[in-house]
Protein backbone atom coordinates (compact mmCIF):
# COMPACT_ATOMS: atom_id res chain seq x y z
CA MET A 1 118.91 66.26 169.40
CA ARG A 2 121.04 69.20 168.31
CA PHE A 3 122.22 67.34 165.16
CA HIS A 4 118.67 66.37 163.99
CA SER A 5 117.39 69.88 164.92
CA PHE A 6 120.51 71.33 162.59
CA VAL A 7 119.39 68.73 159.85
CA TYR A 8 115.55 69.64 160.10
CA SER A 9 116.43 73.38 159.81
CA LEU A 10 118.83 73.03 157.01
CA LEU A 11 116.45 70.93 155.04
CA THR A 12 113.69 73.48 155.74
CA ILE A 13 115.93 76.32 154.42
CA LEU A 14 117.05 74.26 150.99
CA SER A 15 113.03 73.28 150.67
CA PHE A 16 112.15 77.20 150.92
CA ILE A 17 114.72 78.00 148.32
CA ALA A 18 113.74 75.30 146.08
CA CYS A 19 110.19 76.47 146.25
CA LYS A 20 110.74 79.99 145.76
CA PRO A 21 109.99 81.27 142.25
CA THR A 22 113.06 82.17 140.08
CA VAL A 23 112.91 85.69 139.02
CA THR A 24 114.57 85.85 135.50
CA LYS A 25 116.55 88.83 133.72
CA HIS A 26 113.68 89.67 131.24
CA GLN A 27 111.09 89.62 134.19
CA GLN A 28 113.43 91.89 136.18
CA SER A 29 113.62 94.49 133.40
CA PHE A 30 109.75 95.41 133.60
CA ASP A 31 107.45 97.49 136.01
CA THR A 32 104.82 94.71 136.64
CA LYS A 33 102.54 97.43 137.72
CA LYS A 34 102.91 99.57 134.37
CA ILE A 35 102.42 96.23 132.10
CA ALA A 36 99.38 95.81 134.06
CA GLU A 37 98.54 99.52 133.21
CA PHE A 38 99.10 98.72 129.35
CA LYS A 39 96.75 95.64 129.54
CA ARG A 40 93.96 98.06 131.11
CA PHE A 41 94.80 100.68 128.24
CA ILE A 42 93.89 98.10 125.59
CA SER A 43 90.80 97.00 127.44
CA LYS A 44 89.47 100.59 127.82
CA GLU A 45 90.14 101.19 124.10
CA ILE A 46 87.99 97.94 123.36
CA THR A 47 85.49 98.94 125.88
CA ALA A 48 85.03 102.45 124.50
CA GLY A 49 84.45 100.95 121.09
CA LYS A 50 87.61 102.36 119.37
CA ILE A 51 88.86 98.97 118.44
CA ALA A 52 87.52 95.41 118.22
CA GLY A 53 90.50 93.74 119.80
CA ALA A 54 94.12 93.56 119.87
CA GLU A 55 97.00 91.04 120.34
CA VAL A 56 100.17 92.31 121.93
CA LEU A 57 103.52 90.47 122.09
CA ILE A 58 106.48 91.47 124.07
CA SER A 59 109.84 89.91 123.84
CA LYS A 60 113.03 90.74 125.78
CA ASP A 61 116.39 88.96 125.71
CA ASN A 62 114.68 86.23 123.39
CA LYS A 63 112.07 85.45 126.12
CA ILE A 64 108.32 86.24 125.89
CA VAL A 65 107.48 89.08 128.63
CA LEU A 66 103.84 89.65 127.63
CA HIS A 67 101.60 87.68 125.22
CA GLU A 68 98.01 89.06 125.29
CA ALA A 69 94.86 89.08 123.44
CA GLN A 70 91.71 90.92 124.23
CA GLY A 71 88.43 91.67 122.75
CA PHE A 72 86.90 90.34 119.40
CA ALA A 73 87.94 88.70 116.27
CA ASN A 74 84.54 89.78 115.10
CA ILE A 75 82.64 92.25 116.79
CA THR A 76 79.41 91.60 115.19
CA LYS A 77 79.38 87.88 115.84
CA GLN A 78 81.08 88.60 119.44
CA LYS A 79 83.56 85.99 118.47
CA LYS A 80 86.38 86.25 121.09
CA LEU A 81 90.03 87.17 119.72
CA ALA A 82 92.40 84.39 120.59
CA LYS A 83 96.32 84.59 121.09
CA ASN A 84 97.99 83.47 117.82
CA SER A 85 95.33 84.76 115.68
CA ILE A 86 95.70 85.38 111.69
CA TYR A 87 96.00 88.90 110.44
CA TYR A 88 96.45 90.69 107.08
CA ILE A 89 99.48 92.38 107.50
CA GLN A 90 99.51 94.90 104.69
CA SER A 91 102.90 96.71 104.67
CA MET A 92 104.63 94.63 107.04
CA THR A 93 105.09 92.42 103.94
CA LYS A 94 107.63 95.09 102.64
CA PRO A 95 110.43 94.26 105.29
CA ILE A 96 110.07 90.48 104.56
CA ILE A 97 110.42 90.94 100.79
CA SER A 98 113.22 93.26 101.65
CA ALA A 99 115.02 90.34 103.48
CA ALA A 100 114.55 88.22 100.44
CA ILE A 101 116.07 90.57 97.91
CA MET A 102 118.99 90.75 100.50
CA GLN A 103 119.27 86.90 100.25
CA LEU A 104 119.79 87.32 96.38
CA HIS A 105 122.32 90.07 97.01
CA GLU A 106 124.26 87.74 99.14
CA LYS A 107 124.34 85.17 96.44
CA GLY A 108 125.47 87.61 94.20
CA LEU A 109 122.65 87.34 91.94
CA LEU A 110 121.95 91.03 91.83
CA SER A 111 123.49 94.29 93.36
CA LEU A 112 121.76 97.18 95.06
CA GLU A 113 123.26 99.25 92.38
CA ASP A 114 121.80 97.27 89.70
CA ASN A 115 119.47 99.16 87.50
CA VAL A 116 116.07 97.85 87.76
CA SER A 117 115.66 97.77 84.04
CA ARG A 118 118.03 94.66 84.15
CA PHE A 119 115.29 92.81 85.61
CA ILE A 120 112.08 94.67 84.33
CA PRO A 121 113.03 96.15 81.05
CA GLU A 122 109.48 97.65 80.77
CA ILE A 123 110.69 100.32 83.55
CA GLU A 124 112.64 102.11 80.80
CA THR A 125 109.68 104.00 79.47
CA LEU A 126 109.11 105.93 82.79
CA ARG A 127 109.14 109.63 83.00
CA VAL A 128 108.52 112.07 85.75
CA THR A 129 105.49 114.23 86.20
CA ILE A 130 106.02 117.86 86.35
CA ASP A 131 102.56 118.60 88.50
CA PRO A 132 101.03 115.73 90.13
CA GLU A 133 97.66 117.54 90.10
CA GLN A 134 97.85 117.28 86.29
CA GLY A 135 97.30 113.41 86.64
CA VAL A 136 98.24 110.74 84.59
CA GLU A 137 98.08 112.68 81.45
CA GLY A 138 100.00 115.72 82.48
CA SER A 139 103.26 116.86 81.33
CA THR A 140 106.38 115.02 82.05
CA VAL A 141 110.13 115.07 81.72
CA PRO A 142 112.89 112.33 81.31
CA LEU A 143 114.44 110.72 84.18
CA GLU A 144 117.82 112.41 85.49
CA LYS A 145 119.07 108.88 86.51
CA SER A 146 118.19 105.24 86.35
CA LEU A 147 116.17 103.45 89.01
CA THR A 148 118.22 101.02 91.22
CA ILE A 149 117.16 98.22 93.79
CA ARG A 150 118.47 100.46 96.43
CA HIS A 151 115.83 103.07 95.30
CA LEU A 152 113.01 100.61 95.63
CA LEU A 153 114.35 99.48 99.27
CA ASN A 154 114.43 102.89 100.59
CA HIS A 155 111.63 104.66 98.99
CA THR A 156 113.64 107.07 97.15
CA SER A 157 112.86 105.86 93.45
CA GLY A 158 110.06 108.55 92.93
CA LEU A 159 107.40 105.95 92.39
CA SER A 160 104.25 106.47 94.35
CA HIS A 161 101.70 104.20 96.00
CA GLY A 162 98.48 105.75 95.16
CA LEU A 163 97.69 106.70 98.81
CA GLY A 164 98.39 110.45 98.39
CA ASP A 165 95.66 113.23 98.00
CA ASN A 166 96.49 114.56 94.57
CA LYS A 167 95.17 113.61 91.12
CA LEU A 168 97.95 111.58 89.98
CA GLU A 169 97.85 109.40 93.27
CA SER A 170 94.16 109.13 92.83
CA GLN A 171 94.52 107.87 89.53
CA LEU A 172 97.05 105.49 90.30
CA TYR A 173 95.17 103.68 93.21
CA GLN A 174 92.32 102.92 90.82
CA LEU A 175 94.75 101.52 88.47
CA LEU A 176 96.50 99.38 91.29
CA TYR A 177 93.45 98.53 93.35
CA GLY A 178 90.24 99.49 91.79
CA GLN A 179 87.34 100.10 94.47
CA PRO A 180 88.05 98.54 97.98
CA GLU A 181 86.21 95.39 97.28
CA ASP A 182 88.30 94.70 93.98
CA TYR A 183 91.11 92.66 95.64
CA LYS A 184 91.43 90.83 92.34
CA ILE A 185 91.46 93.70 89.95
CA HIS A 186 94.67 92.13 88.65
CA GLU A 187 95.54 88.43 88.16
CA ASN A 188 99.20 88.51 88.86
CA ILE A 189 102.12 90.58 90.04
CA GLU A 190 103.18 91.29 86.48
CA SER A 191 100.01 92.70 85.69
CA ARG A 192 99.89 94.85 88.90
CA VAL A 193 103.61 96.17 88.14
CA ALA A 194 102.38 97.07 84.65
CA ALA A 195 99.86 99.24 85.96
CA LEU A 196 102.30 101.03 88.39
CA LEU A 197 104.74 101.55 85.46
CA SER A 198 102.02 103.20 83.35
CA VAL A 199 102.02 106.23 85.64
CA PRO A 200 104.63 108.86 85.77
CA LEU A 201 106.86 108.94 88.71
CA ILE A 202 106.08 111.48 91.45
CA GLY A 203 109.76 112.90 91.45
CA GLN A 204 113.22 112.29 90.28
CA PRO A 205 115.15 109.33 91.86
CA ASP A 206 117.49 110.24 94.96
CA LYS A 207 115.48 113.81 95.26
CA GLN A 208 112.98 112.71 97.91
CA TRP A 209 111.82 109.95 100.38
CA TYR A 210 108.03 108.97 99.12
CA TYR A 211 106.44 106.02 100.12
CA SER A 212 105.92 103.71 97.12
CA ALA A 213 104.82 100.30 95.87
CA GLY A 214 108.30 99.79 94.70
CA GLY A 215 107.95 96.40 96.95
CA ASP A 216 105.85 95.00 94.05
CA LEU A 217 108.98 95.70 91.61
CA LEU A 218 111.15 93.86 94.15
CA ALA A 219 108.70 90.87 94.19
CA LEU A 220 108.80 90.57 90.40
CA ILE A 221 112.51 90.79 90.66
CA ILE A 222 112.49 87.83 93.24
CA LYS A 223 110.44 85.86 91.12
CA ARG A 224 112.47 86.49 87.67
CA VAL A 225 115.87 85.99 89.40
CA SER A 226 115.10 83.06 91.63
CA LYS A 227 113.04 81.49 88.86
CA GLN A 228 110.43 80.58 91.56
CA ASN A 229 106.99 81.56 92.41
CA ILE A 230 107.18 84.33 95.16
CA GLN A 231 105.32 82.24 97.68
CA ASP A 232 107.44 79.23 97.07
CA TYR A 233 110.78 81.41 97.37
CA LEU A 234 109.48 82.82 100.55
CA GLN A 235 108.31 79.56 102.01
CA GLU A 236 111.62 77.81 101.31
CA ASN A 237 113.99 80.69 102.42
CA ILE A 238 112.29 82.49 105.06
CA PHE A 239 109.12 80.97 106.36
CA ASP A 240 110.49 77.50 106.71
CA PRO A 241 113.67 78.34 108.30
CA LEU A 242 111.95 80.74 110.72
CA GLU A 243 109.20 78.50 111.55
CA MET A 244 106.58 81.02 110.21
CA LYS A 245 104.04 78.32 110.02
CA ASP A 246 100.88 80.65 109.54
CA THR A 247 102.40 83.27 107.22
CA GLY A 248 101.50 83.29 103.40
CA TYR A 249 99.23 84.93 100.71
CA ASN A 250 96.44 82.35 101.31
CA ILE A 251 95.02 80.74 104.28
CA LEU A 252 94.16 76.89 104.58
CA GLU A 253 90.56 76.24 104.92
CA MET A 254 91.32 74.51 108.29
CA GLU A 255 92.86 77.57 109.76
CA SER A 256 90.29 80.22 108.36
CA GLY A 257 88.34 80.40 111.56
CA ARG A 258 91.74 81.95 113.21
CA VAL A 259 91.70 85.16 111.00
CA MET A 260 90.58 88.36 112.70
CA SER A 261 88.23 90.34 110.73
CA LEU A 262 88.51 93.75 109.36
CA HIS A 263 86.54 96.28 111.32
CA GLU A 264 85.55 100.06 110.66
CA PHE A 265 83.15 102.71 112.00
CA ASN A 266 79.75 103.06 110.26
CA GLU A 267 78.07 106.06 109.36
CA ASN A 268 76.69 106.53 112.84
CA GLY A 269 80.54 106.34 114.36
CA LYS A 270 79.69 102.80 115.71
CA LEU A 271 82.43 100.05 115.21
CA GLU A 272 81.26 97.14 113.40
CA THR A 273 82.74 94.50 111.28
CA SER A 274 83.58 95.89 107.65
CA LYS A 275 81.51 94.75 104.77
CA ILE A 276 84.62 94.58 102.86
CA GLN A 277 86.96 91.47 103.90
CA VAL A 278 90.35 90.62 102.28
CA PRO A 279 89.79 87.08 100.55
CA LYS A 280 91.52 84.35 102.57
CA THR A 281 91.75 82.10 99.70
CA GLY A 282 92.46 82.29 95.83
CA ASN A 283 94.97 85.11 96.11
CA THR A 284 97.13 85.12 92.98
CA ILE A 285 99.03 88.54 93.38
CA PHE A 286 101.92 87.45 95.50
CA GLY A 287 103.06 91.20 96.15
CA GLY A 288 105.97 92.90 97.94
CA THR A 289 103.89 96.08 99.16
CA HIS A 290 101.27 94.10 101.02
CA GLY A 291 99.51 90.65 100.66
CA LEU A 292 100.70 88.41 103.35
CA TYR A 293 99.04 87.11 106.17
CA SER A 294 100.87 86.41 109.35
CA THR A 295 100.65 85.87 113.30
CA ALA A 296 102.21 87.78 116.10
CA LYS A 297 104.37 84.62 117.03
CA ASP A 298 105.49 84.14 113.25
CA TYR A 299 106.39 87.72 113.05
CA LEU A 300 108.30 87.53 116.15
CA ASN A 301 110.46 84.85 114.82
CA PHE A 302 111.29 87.19 111.86
CA CYS A 303 112.05 90.13 114.14
CA GLN A 304 114.24 87.87 116.34
CA MET A 305 116.27 86.71 113.41
CA PHE A 306 117.33 90.38 113.13
CA LEU A 307 118.10 90.75 116.76
CA ASN A 308 120.39 87.45 116.39
CA LYS A 309 122.03 89.24 113.56
CA GLY A 310 120.77 87.04 110.65
CA THR A 311 120.25 83.53 112.32
CA TRP A 312 117.27 81.55 113.98
CA LYS A 313 118.30 78.63 115.87
CA GLU A 314 120.42 76.65 113.23
CA HIS A 315 119.49 78.48 110.28
CA GLN A 316 121.39 81.65 108.91
CA VAL A 317 118.51 83.46 106.92
CA LEU A 318 120.94 86.45 106.55
CA LYS A 319 124.50 87.34 107.11
CA SER A 320 125.34 89.60 110.11
CA GLU A 321 126.94 92.27 107.86
CA THR A 322 123.55 92.26 105.68
CA VAL A 323 121.70 92.92 108.86
CA SER A 324 124.09 95.43 109.52
CA LEU A 325 123.51 97.03 106.26
CA MET A 326 119.80 96.92 106.30
CA ALA A 327 119.75 98.71 109.55
CA GLN A 328 121.74 101.74 108.28
CA ASN A 329 120.16 105.00 107.11
CA HIS A 330 120.34 105.03 103.18
CA VAL A 331 118.41 108.18 102.50
CA GLY A 332 120.65 110.99 103.88
CA ASP A 333 118.30 113.73 105.22
CA LEU A 334 115.51 113.02 102.95
CA TYR A 335 113.44 111.16 105.58
CA GLN A 336 111.46 114.00 107.05
CA SER A 337 111.21 112.71 110.72
CA SER A 338 113.52 114.10 113.27
CA GLY A 339 116.05 111.73 114.63
CA LYS A 340 115.09 109.15 112.19
CA GLY A 341 116.17 107.77 108.52
CA PHE A 342 115.20 104.84 106.64
CA GLY A 343 117.06 101.78 105.92
CA LEU A 344 116.43 98.82 103.43
CA GLY A 345 113.00 98.15 104.55
CA PHE A 346 112.43 99.78 107.90
CA GLU A 347 112.39 103.13 109.46
CA VAL A 348 115.48 103.36 111.87
CA ILE A 349 116.18 105.75 114.79
CA LEU A 350 119.41 107.63 114.38
CA ASP A 351 119.40 109.89 117.34
CA ALA A 352 116.86 108.83 119.96
CA ASP A 353 117.18 112.29 121.68
CA LYS A 354 115.86 114.06 118.76
CA ALA A 355 113.30 111.27 117.87
CA ASP A 356 109.48 111.74 118.53
CA GLY A 357 108.50 108.88 121.23
CA PRO A 358 110.58 106.51 123.18
CA GLY A 359 113.50 104.18 121.81
CA ASN A 360 117.12 103.95 121.21
CA ASN A 361 119.55 104.44 118.35
CA ARG A 362 119.45 101.44 115.79
CA GLN A 363 115.65 100.70 116.43
CA LEU A 364 113.84 99.25 113.54
CA SER A 365 110.22 99.59 112.89
CA TRP A 366 107.28 99.78 110.61
CA GLY A 367 103.43 98.87 110.35
CA GLY A 368 100.42 97.93 108.33
CA TYR A 369 97.61 99.78 106.77
CA PHE A 370 95.20 97.86 109.21
CA ARG A 371 96.83 99.25 112.18
CA THR A 372 99.67 96.34 112.81
CA HIS A 373 102.93 97.68 114.04
CA PHE A 374 106.26 96.15 115.14
CA PHE A 375 109.55 97.50 116.48
CA ILE A 376 113.04 95.86 117.12
CA ASP A 377 115.38 97.50 119.53
CA PRO A 378 118.87 95.90 119.30
CA GLU A 379 120.37 97.82 122.45
CA GLN A 380 117.60 96.43 124.71
CA GLN A 381 117.19 93.09 122.78
CA LEU A 382 113.64 94.03 122.73
CA ILE A 383 110.64 93.47 120.32
CA GLY A 384 107.05 94.73 120.56
CA LEU A 385 104.19 93.61 118.33
CA TRP A 386 100.70 95.06 117.97
CA MET A 387 98.20 93.02 115.97
CA THR A 388 94.62 94.36 115.11
CA GLN A 389 92.40 94.85 111.97
CA MET A 390 90.90 98.38 111.72
CA LEU A 391 90.37 101.20 109.28
CA PRO A 392 91.07 103.98 108.91
CA HIS A 393 94.76 103.71 109.34
CA SER A 394 96.63 105.47 112.11
CA ASN A 395 100.11 105.21 113.83
CA TYR A 396 98.12 105.65 117.30
CA TYR A 397 98.57 102.15 118.55
CA GLY A 398 102.21 101.73 117.20
CA ASN A 399 103.03 104.94 119.37
CA ALA A 400 101.11 103.60 122.20
CA LEU A 401 102.86 100.15 121.94
CA ARG A 402 106.33 101.96 122.20
CA GLU A 403 105.24 104.36 124.88
CA ASN A 404 103.66 101.56 127.17
CA ILE A 405 106.56 99.09 126.74
CA TYR A 406 109.35 101.91 127.38
CA GLY A 407 107.19 103.29 130.10
CA ALA A 408 107.30 99.94 131.68
CA LEU A 409 111.08 99.13 131.40
CA LEU A 410 113.01 99.80 134.51
CA ASN A 411 116.23 100.71 132.75
CA PRO A 412 115.16 101.98 129.07
């Protein structure tokens, strides 16, 4: 009887151990109550009518910790937002284009110090404005040095984006984008680059960090160097290797129902579906500043490749030394954000003790105009993504993403 009793007890213990849920390393890293608080924060923002909906994805140690979608993809139609919805990611296009340029750099097809005029001779007529308030027709001076590919990657070229509040920027915006509904003011990337180069620089190269549309020049360089359509180049060299199945400049008709609508406040301050929506098909400007649609999961793969030092599964998308180079500060003290610098396509934290908000040294981040955001933290092997579609632009939710994720980390 004692033997049978011992066997029964042993089997009971083994059964309990087998049934007990395994707590993995990445789950142990977060305070579950604070993660729940983050989810409630999103819900409150939606209930308060501040956003229609949002999708959040958090990954640590290459494991998804949280993937949540709340609210509406279209608030007017009360269409629920689902996970793996498709978003127009605006300037989150820029890091992807930067990675593509660095692939060409690895192959020896171009150098970071190459003059842009080697690939885009039209740039040689550029001059620099004396006073942006004088606009396009104002007085100008010659360039003191040539623009390089590095200047385009780190936003020190002196080019602008048409987003500022001076006369020159306002005129440039009209030349590049027209009215909000004029998504097809240009037929191709060559046309938009020509419009950009028809306007004087806002400043001399290397004299300031100034957010620019230089990514469009990078896209044109990719096209001319690779001798491929930009969409085809990205598909072959980035999207396919990274399994970014829902990323591109146009949406397949069968997937169009997954696209979240753009939202904004009406004249009465009420949130509604915007009357202006980005075309899902027929887009022919394969740009480098913006233009891509993507999903949280697709962009996670892109971010994870950087944490993996350039590899994704069996694919080497970038070399380890290239990833390291992109994550370094390339602008000296020109980037006017305490504790931060700018690399080749990303903002990078240099001194976390001085930087606003939580994070660690070497953290990379950026966002899109419709309030999409991401960050990559190599020290924590951590990625955070926030997806929504909302005007006007604000960094509020990018900041909230970092604050809530780091606030939930047990060992930040």
